[in-house]
Every structure is written in C-alpha cells, then in structure tokens.
Amino acid sequence: MAREQIVLLGAPGSGKGTQASHLVKEFGYNHLSTGDLLRSEIAKGTELGQKVQGIIDAGNLVDDMTVLELLKANCDLENKVYIFDGFPRNGEQAKLLEEHVLKGAATKAIYFDMDLEHLIERITNRRVAPKSGEIYNLLTRPPKIEGKCDVSGEDLVHRKDDNEETVRNRMNVFRDTIGPVLDFYESQGQLVRLDASRPSDEVTKSLKEVISA
C-alpha cells in the first residue's frame, strides 16, 4: 500500500492521466481530478454542488476556496492515499492546498517534465476514435489505415481544441504559472522530476520506482 499523497504536475498532454491510472491499479491510489469532483458534486445535488452550479451558471470560474472546500469534503487523508490532478495550477494554490487539505501529510509532487514545443507537436498530431476510445498520433502511433481506427474502423477525429493556436495558448499559460508551483514543492523537499518525453512504459517504470522509494 502506498503511503504518500501524490500531486501530479505537468503540461496538458504530458501523460498525467495515463500514468495516474497505473498508480490507481497498482498502488491503490484514489484519483482526484478537480473537474470530475465538480461534476460529481453537482450531480449529487449537495449544498456545495448547488453552490458550484451557481458559480458556473453565472459564467464564472470556480474560485480556489470553493475547490479547496470540495477537496476537503472528498478527502480522508488518514485512511486513504490520493493523486491530486488539476490542482494546484499556480503557486498560491499550492500553498492553499498544503494549508487547508494536506496539512503536513507526507507528499510527493511529481513533475512530468517535457519540452513544450515537442508537446505542442505531439498534441496537434493527436487523433481520436470517439466510439472505441482509441487515441492515435500521426507521428508516434499512426493508424494502419490513414484516418481509420485500427479497432473499430471508424473515422478518426482531430479535436477542435487540438489545433495549434489553442494548444500554444494553453502551453503559454502553463509556462507562465508552473515556475512558482515547482519552487514551492522544491522548497518543501517534495519535488521529483520525471522525463515525460520518453515512451509511456519507461515513464511508468520510473514513476513506480519513485512511488516505491
């Protein structure tokens, strides 16, 4: 059984979600995606869920303190280990997560380190099969038949948010905000950097070594 809470850090498309699923299966982690939690709380119709729905309906972003309230309501740090994914996104959120949720709990912050230009190239070449759920990459994992899913034969889709302009904007936001997050966890002695540009199975192997250390 894993002992430490995990904060996964990395740019969009760096492979955090894929790797988190391995940790859930092998080490018994609970995967906390803030987006999933928000949707779940709204679906349950709780008081907090209604508050979140009101914020979203007004066209506003859910504020940090509401997200922290949501995390606290769904965390049992004494008995379970979690992967925090999607929060924190900036230095202030990292401090708030420590102060209000983690509160000194043994934690590792794992940064999926990758050249952002390489990542832009990876994402813009991504193609998905909506029915089968298969994901291809024209550079590293092309389909056997151009434009068709190997599994289902359906047409592959280039998602609208995978276009270069959108992806580059997301990377610029990430680049501008990640520094203070890394500085915070480094100052706590909790930061581990992983080379996420390697093949997925190599990243998985390194990640398991970090968790087991």
C-alpha atoms as a PDB file:
ATOM      1  CA  MET A   1       0.000   0.000   0.000  1.00  0.00           C
ATOM      2  CA  ALA A   2       1.364   3.407  -0.955  1.00  0.00           C
ATOM      3  CA  ARG A   3       1.937   5.808   1.925  1.00  0.00           C
ATOM      4  CA  GLU A   4       2.394   9.264   0.440  1.00  0.00           C
ATOM      5  CA  GLN A   5      -0.107  11.627  -1.097  1.00  0.00           C
ATOM      6  CA  ILE A   6       0.798  12.486  -4.703  1.00  0.00           C
ATOM      7  CA  VAL A   7       0.471  15.814  -6.520  1.00  0.00           C
ATOM      8  CA  LEU A   8       0.831  15.314 -10.281  1.00  0.00           C
ATOM      9  CA  LEU A   9       2.197  18.311 -12.179  1.00  0.00           C
ATOM     10  CA  GLY A  10       2.699  18.724 -15.901  1.00  0.00           C
ATOM     11  CA  ALA A  11       1.533  20.481 -19.032  1.00  0.00           C
ATOM     12  CA  PRO A  12      -1.680  19.425 -20.815  1.00  0.00           C
ATOM     13  CA  GLY A  13      -0.964  16.272 -22.811  1.00  0.00           C
ATOM     14  CA  SER A  14       2.151  15.296 -20.837  1.00  0.00           C
ATOM     15  CA  GLY A  15       0.633  11.940 -19.904  1.00  0.00           C
ATOM     16  CA  LYS A  16      -0.505  12.579 -16.326  1.00  0.00           C
ATOM     17  CA  GLY A  17      -3.907  10.948 -16.783  1.00  0.00           C
ATOM     18  CA  THR A  18      -2.490   7.805 -18.376  1.00  0.00           C
ATOM     19  CA  GLN A  19       0.109   7.394 -15.652  1.00  0.00           C
ATOM     20  CA  ALA A  20      -2.368   8.132 -12.855  1.00  0.00           C
ATOM     21  CA  SER A  21      -4.443   5.130 -13.973  1.00  0.00           C
ATOM     22  CA  HIS A  22      -1.401   2.862 -13.439  1.00  0.00           C
ATOM     23  CA  LEU A  23      -0.948   4.178  -9.897  1.00  0.00           C
ATOM     24  CA  VAL A  24      -4.625   3.607  -9.112  1.00  0.00           C
ATOM     25  CA  LYS A  25      -4.433  -0.032 -10.256  1.00  0.00           C
ATOM     26  CA  GLU A  26      -1.085  -0.938  -8.732  1.00  0.00           C
ATOM     27  CA  PHE A  27      -0.824   1.108  -5.556  1.00  0.00           C
ATOM     28  CA  GLY A  28      -4.440   1.669  -4.530  1.00  0.00           C
ATOM     29  CA  TYR A  29      -4.456   5.417  -5.049  1.00  0.00           C
ATOM     30  CA  ASN A  30      -7.680   7.390  -5.344  1.00  0.00           C
ATOM     31  CA  HIS A  31      -7.543   9.725  -8.360  1.00  0.00           C
ATOM     32  CA  LEU A  32      -8.828  13.204  -7.501  1.00  0.00           C
ATOM     33  CA  SER A  33      -9.486  15.218 -10.639  1.00  0.00           C
ATOM     34  CA  THR A  34     -10.968  18.576  -9.674  1.00  0.00           C
ATOM     35  CA  GLY A  35     -13.085  18.635 -12.847  1.00  0.00           C
ATOM     36  CA  ASP A  36     -14.580  15.215 -12.058  1.00  0.00           C
ATOM     37  CA  LEU A  37     -15.206  16.225  -8.446  1.00  0.00           C
ATOM     38  CA  LEU A  38     -17.039  19.380  -9.514  1.00  0.00           C
ATOM     39  CA  ARG A  39     -19.282  17.410 -11.880  1.00  0.00           C
ATOM     40  CA  SER A  40     -19.929  14.712  -9.262  1.00  0.00           C
ATOM     41  CA  GLU A  41     -20.839  17.206  -6.548  1.00  0.00           C
ATOM     42  CA  ILE A  42     -23.261  18.970  -8.894  1.00  0.00           C
ATOM     43  CA  ALA A  43     -24.842  15.611  -9.865  1.00  0.00           C
ATOM     44  CA  LYS A  44     -25.298  14.684  -6.171  1.00  0.00           C
ATOM     45  CA  GLY A  45     -27.175  17.936  -5.603  1.00  0.00           C
ATOM     46  CA  THR A  46     -25.370  18.698  -2.342  1.00  0.00           C
ATOM     47  CA  GLU A  47     -25.290  22.185  -0.874  1.00  0.00           C
ATOM     48  CA  LEU A  48     -21.722  22.522  -2.134  1.00  0.00           C
ATOM     49  CA  GLY A  49     -22.789  21.172  -5.539  1.00  0.00           C
ATOM     50  CA  GLN A  50     -25.545  23.769  -5.795  1.00  0.00           C
ATOM     51  CA  LYS A  51     -23.044  26.486  -4.887  1.00  0.00           C
ATOM     52  CA  VAL A  52     -20.680  25.275  -7.644  1.00  0.00           C
ATOM     53  CA  GLN A  53     -23.550  25.120 -10.153  1.00  0.00           C
ATOM     54  CA  GLY A  54     -24.476  28.705  -9.323  1.00  0.00           C
ATOM     55  CA  ILE A  55     -20.914  29.887  -9.923  1.00  0.00           C
ATOM     56  CA  ILE A  56     -20.751  28.076 -13.274  1.00  0.00           C
ATOM     57  CA  ASP A  57     -24.216  29.260 -14.339  1.00  0.00           C
ATOM     58  CA  ALA A  58     -23.106  32.828 -13.717  1.00  0.00           C
ATOM     59  CA  GLY A  59     -20.275  32.244 -16.177  1.00  0.00           C
ATOM     60  CA  ASN A  60     -17.555  32.441 -13.547  1.00  0.00           C
ATOM     61  CA  LEU A  61     -14.600  30.189 -12.783  1.00  0.00           C
ATOM     62  CA  VAL A  62     -14.869  28.212  -9.567  1.00  0.00           C
ATOM     63  CA  ASP A  63     -12.718  30.062  -7.034  1.00  0.00           C
ATOM     64  CA  ASP A  64      -9.811  28.487  -5.156  1.00  0.00           C
ATOM     65  CA  MET A  65     -11.530  28.355  -1.762  1.00  0.00           C
ATOM     66  CA  THR A  66     -14.544  26.537  -3.221  1.00  0.00           C
ATOM     67  CA  VAL A  67     -12.236  23.988  -4.877  1.00  0.00           C
ATOM     68  CA  LEU A  68     -10.451  23.509  -1.527  1.00  0.00           C
ATOM     69  CA  GLU A  69     -13.820  23.053   0.189  1.00  0.00           C
ATOM     70  CA  LEU A  70     -14.635  20.418  -2.418  1.00  0.00           C
ATOM     71  CA  LEU A  71     -11.312  18.620  -1.883  1.00  0.00           C
ATOM     72  CA  LYS A  72     -11.710  18.645   1.904  1.00  0.00           C
ATOM     73  CA  ALA A  73     -15.213  17.185   1.583  1.00  0.00           C
ATOM     74  CA  ASN A  74     -13.893  14.310  -0.528  1.00  0.00           C
ATOM     75  CA  CYS A  75     -10.582  13.517   1.219  1.00  0.00           C
ATOM     76  CA  ASP A  76      -9.880  11.114   4.050  1.00  0.00           C
ATOM     77  CA  LEU A  77      -6.126  11.566   4.357  1.00  0.00           C
ATOM     78  CA  GLU A  78      -5.867   9.439   7.498  1.00  0.00           C
ATOM     79  CA  ASN A  79      -7.106   6.307   5.779  1.00  0.00           C
ATOM     80  CA  LYS A  80      -6.552   6.804   2.045  1.00  0.00           C
ATOM     81  CA  VAL A  81      -3.896   7.977  -0.406  1.00  0.00           C
ATOM     82  CA  TYR A  82      -4.758  10.349  -3.235  1.00  0.00           C
ATOM     83  CA  ILE A  83      -3.477  11.642  -6.533  1.00  0.00           C
ATOM     84  CA  PHE A  84      -4.235  15.358  -6.837  1.00  0.00           C
ATOM     85  CA  ASP A  85      -4.600  16.099 -10.557  1.00  0.00           C
ATOM     86  CA  GLY A  86      -5.537  19.522 -11.978  1.00  0.00           C
ATOM     87  CA  PHE A  87      -4.899  21.403  -8.748  1.00  0.00           C
ATOM     88  CA  PRO A  88      -2.677  23.270  -7.886  1.00  0.00           C
ATOM     89  CA  ARG A  89      -2.182  25.269 -11.084  1.00  0.00           C
ATOM     90  CA  ASN A  90      -0.242  28.162  -9.567  1.00  0.00           C
ATOM     91  CA  GLY A  91       1.957  28.933  -6.584  1.00  0.00           C
ATOM     92  CA  GLU A  92      -0.827  30.374  -4.441  1.00  0.00           C
ATOM     93  CA  GLN A  93      -2.966  27.241  -4.955  1.00  0.00           C
ATOM     94  CA  ALA A  94      -0.002  25.042  -3.955  1.00  0.00           C
ATOM     95  CA  LYS A  95       0.264  26.907  -0.629  1.00  0.00           C
ATOM     96  CA  LEU A  96      -3.501  26.751  -0.062  1.00  0.00           C
ATOM     97  CA  LEU A  97      -3.620  23.011  -0.785  1.00  0.00           C
ATOM     98  CA  GLU A  98      -0.916  22.438   1.833  1.00  0.00           C
ATOM     99  CA  GLU A  99      -2.552  24.724   4.413  1.00  0.00           C
ATOM    100  CA  HIS A 100      -6.159  23.572   4.045  1.00  0.00           C
ATOM    101  CA  VAL A 101      -6.033  19.966   2.812  1.00  0.00           C
ATOM    102  CA  LEU A 102      -2.650  18.238   3.099  1.00  0.00           C
ATOM    103  CA  LYS A 103      -1.670  19.917   6.400  1.00  0.00           C
ATOM    104  CA  GLY A 104       1.766  18.342   6.648  1.00  0.00           C
ATOM    105  CA  ALA A 105       0.786  14.906   5.284  1.00  0.00           C
ATOM    106  CA  ALA A 106       3.666  13.012   3.627  1.00  0.00           C
ATOM    107  CA  THR A 107       3.529  14.172  -0.002  1.00  0.00           C
ATOM    108  CA  LYS A 108       5.438  13.843  -3.263  1.00  0.00           C
ATOM    109  CA  ALA A 109       4.951  16.333  -6.104  1.00  0.00           C
ATOM    110  CA  ILE A 110       5.846  14.618  -9.373  1.00  0.00           C
ATOM    111  CA  TYR A 111       6.539  16.887 -12.333  1.00  0.00           C
ATOM    112  CA  PHE A 112       6.169  15.429 -15.832  1.00  0.00           C
ATOM    113  CA  ASP A 113       8.986  17.392 -17.415  1.00  0.00           C
ATOM    114  CA  MET A 114       8.834  17.815 -21.180  1.00  0.00           C
ATOM    115  CA  ASP A 115       9.900  20.278 -23.875  1.00  0.00           C
ATOM    116  CA  LEU A 116       6.762  22.298 -24.598  1.00  0.00           C
ATOM    117  CA  GLU A 117       7.460  22.618 -28.336  1.00  0.00           C
ATOM    118  CA  HIS A 118       7.699  18.827 -28.537  1.00  0.00           C
ATOM    119  CA  LEU A 119       4.442  18.586 -26.611  1.00  0.00           C
ATOM    120  CA  ILE A 120       2.679  21.014 -28.978  1.00  0.00           C
ATOM    121  CA  GLU A 121       3.772  18.824 -31.880  1.00  0.00           C
ATOM    122  CA  ARG A 122       2.510  15.722 -30.069  1.00  0.00           C
ATOM    123  CA  ILE A 123      -0.917  17.170 -29.275  1.00  0.00           C
ATOM    124  CA  THR A 124      -1.578  18.749 -32.678  1.00  0.00           C
ATOM    125  CA  ASN A 125      -0.887  15.363 -34.295  1.00  0.00           C
ATOM    126  CA  ARG A 126      -3.307  13.554 -31.977  1.00  0.00           C
ATOM    127  CA  ARG A 127      -6.364  11.854 -33.477  1.00  0.00           C
ATOM    128  CA  VAL A 128      -9.141  10.130 -31.546  1.00  0.00           C
ATOM    129  CA  ALA A 129     -11.743   7.452 -32.282  1.00  0.00           C
ATOM    130  CA  PRO A 130     -14.907   8.602 -30.451  1.00  0.00           C
ATOM    131  CA  LYS A 131     -16.603   5.185 -30.226  1.00  0.00           C
ATOM    132  CA  SER A 132     -13.679   2.886 -29.405  1.00  0.00           C
ATOM    133  CA  GLY A 133     -11.853   5.486 -27.311  1.00  0.00           C
ATOM    134  CA  GLU A 134      -8.553   4.707 -29.062  1.00  0.00           C
ATOM    135  CA  ILE A 135      -6.042   7.560 -29.323  1.00  0.00           C
ATOM    136  CA  TYR A 136      -3.520   7.780 -32.176  1.00  0.00           C
ATOM    137  CA  ASN A 137      -0.661  10.072 -33.018  1.00  0.00           C
ATOM    138  CA  LEU A 138       0.328  10.689 -36.624  1.00  0.00           C
ATOM    139  CA  LEU A 139       3.994  10.870 -35.596  1.00  0.00           C
ATOM    140  CA  THR A 140       4.412   8.186 -32.950  1.00  0.00           C
ATOM    141  CA  ARG A 141       1.400   5.889 -33.264  1.00  0.00           C
ATOM    142  CA  PRO A 142      -0.282   6.307 -36.658  1.00  0.00           C
ATOM    143  CA  PRO A 143      -3.290   4.150 -37.597  1.00  0.00           C
ATOM    144  CA  LYS A 144      -2.668   1.267 -40.018  1.00  0.00           C
ATOM    145  CA  ILE A 145      -5.140   2.800 -42.472  1.00  0.00           C
ATOM    146  CA  GLU A 146      -4.985   6.584 -42.767  1.00  0.00           C
ATOM    147  CA  GLY A 147      -7.885   8.267 -40.994  1.00  0.00           C
ATOM    148  CA  LYS A 148      -9.398   4.996 -39.673  1.00  0.00           C
ATOM    149  CA  CYS A 149      -9.368   3.370 -36.237  1.00  0.00           C
ATOM    150  CA  ASP A 150      -7.492   0.051 -36.161  1.00  0.00           C
ATOM    151  CA  VAL A 151     -10.028  -1.381 -33.687  1.00  0.00           C
ATOM    152  CA  SER A 152     -13.431  -0.173 -34.891  1.00  0.00           C
ATOM    153  CA  GLY A 153     -12.751   1.087 -38.421  1.00  0.00           C
ATOM    154  CA  GLU A 154     -14.490   4.357 -37.599  1.00  0.00           C
ATOM    155  CA  ASP A 155     -13.251   7.743 -38.860  1.00  0.00           C
ATOM    156  CA  LEU A 156     -10.664   9.397 -36.659  1.00  0.00           C
ATOM    157  CA  VAL A 157     -11.356  12.900 -35.361  1.00  0.00           C
ATOM    158  CA  HIS A 158      -8.995  15.848 -34.917  1.00  0.00           C
ATOM    159  CA  ARG A 159     -10.465  17.574 -31.876  1.00  0.00           C
ATOM    160  CA  LYS A 160     -11.069  21.323 -32.182  1.00  0.00           C
ATOM    161  CA  ASP A 161      -9.004  22.096 -29.074  1.00  0.00           C
ATOM    162  CA  ASP A 162      -6.047  20.188 -30.550  1.00  0.00           C
ATOM    163  CA  ASN A 163      -5.373  22.903 -33.151  1.00  0.00           C
ATOM    164  CA  GLU A 164      -2.014  24.656 -32.883  1.00  0.00           C
ATOM    165  CA  GLU A 165      -3.253  28.099 -31.839  1.00  0.00           C
ATOM    166  CA  THR A 166      -5.350  26.738 -28.961  1.00  0.00           C
ATOM    167  CA  VAL A 167      -2.638  24.338 -27.814  1.00  0.00           C
ATOM    168  CA  ARG A 168       0.047  27.026 -27.955  1.00  0.00           C
ATOM    169  CA  ASN A 169      -2.112  29.368 -25.852  1.00  0.00           C
ATOM    170  CA  ARG A 170      -2.607  26.637 -23.234  1.00  0.00           C
ATOM    171  CA  MET A 171       1.141  25.980 -23.138  1.00  0.00           C
ATOM    172  CA  ASN A 172       1.897  29.679 -22.706  1.00  0.00           C
ATOM    173  CA  VAL A 173      -0.449  29.834 -19.701  1.00  0.00           C
ATOM    174  CA  PHE A 174       1.202  26.723 -18.269  1.00  0.00           C
ATOM    175  CA  ARG A 175       4.703  28.119 -18.816  1.00  0.00           C
ATOM    176  CA  ASP A 176       3.757  31.362 -17.054  1.00  0.00           C
ATOM    177  CA  THR A 177       2.328  29.654 -13.952  1.00  0.00           C
ATOM    178  CA  ILE A 178       4.279  26.421 -13.312  1.00  0.00           C
ATOM    179  CA  GLY A 179       7.516  28.025 -12.031  1.00  0.00           C
ATOM    180  CA  PRO A 180       6.213  29.106  -8.601  1.00  0.00           C
ATOM    181  CA  VAL A 181       4.492  25.707  -8.133  1.00  0.00           C
ATOM    182  CA  LEU A 182       7.775  23.867  -8.722  1.00  0.00           C
ATOM    183  CA  ASP A 183       9.614  26.340  -6.478  1.00  0.00           C
ATOM    184  CA  PHE A 184       7.123  25.718  -3.670  1.00  0.00           C
ATOM    185  CA  TYR A 185       7.445  21.935  -3.743  1.00  0.00           C
ATOM    186  CA  GLU A 186      11.214  22.132  -4.175  1.00  0.00           C
ATOM    187  CA  SER A 187      11.424  24.315  -1.058  1.00  0.00           C
ATOM    188  CA  GLN A 188       9.420  21.646   0.796  1.00  0.00           C
ATOM    189  CA  GLY A 189      11.808  18.908  -0.374  1.00  0.00           C
ATOM    190  CA  GLN A 190       8.878  17.171  -2.082  1.00  0.00           C
ATOM    191  CA  LEU A 191       9.588  17.697  -5.794  1.00  0.00           C
ATOM    192  CA  VAL A 192      10.520  14.829  -8.124  1.00  0.00           C
ATOM    193  CA  ARG A 193      11.112  15.498 -11.835  1.00  0.00           C
ATOM    194  CA  LEU A 194      10.405  12.786 -14.411  1.00  0.00           C
ATOM    195  CA  ASP A 195      11.445  12.943 -18.075  1.00  0.00           C
ATOM    196  CA  ALA A 196       7.995  12.588 -19.666  1.00  0.00           C
ATOM    197  CA  SER A 197       9.303  12.736 -23.250  1.00  0.00           C
ATOM    198  CA  ARG A 198      10.253   9.029 -23.107  1.00  0.00           C
ATOM    199  CA  PRO A 199       7.970   6.165 -24.205  1.00  0.00           C
ATOM    200  CA  SER A 200       4.990   5.671 -21.888  1.00  0.00           C
ATOM    201  CA  ASP A 201       6.185   2.330 -20.473  1.00  0.00           C
ATOM    202  CA  GLU A 202       9.542   3.868 -19.470  1.00  0.00           C
ATOM    203  CA  VAL A 203       7.767   6.742 -17.711  1.00  0.00           C
ATOM    204  CA  THR A 204       5.567   4.208 -15.907  1.00  0.00           C
ATOM    205  CA  LYS A 205       8.630   2.277 -14.741  1.00  0.00           C
ATOM    206  CA  SER A 206      10.300   5.443 -13.388  1.00  0.00           C
ATOM    207  CA  LEU A 207       7.064   6.541 -11.731  1.00  0.00           C
ATOM    208  CA  LYS A 208       6.685   3.224  -9.913  1.00  0.00           C
ATOM    209  CA  GLU A 209      10.263   3.497  -8.695  1.00  0.00           C
ATOM    210  CA  VAL A 210       9.538   6.972  -7.320  1.00  0.00           C
ATOM    211  CA  ILE A 211       6.378   5.759  -5.551  1.00  0.00           C
ATOM    212  CA  SER A 212       8.158   2.730  -4.087  1.00  0.00           C
ATOM    213  CA  ALA A 213      11.219   4.659  -2.885  1.00  0.00           C
END
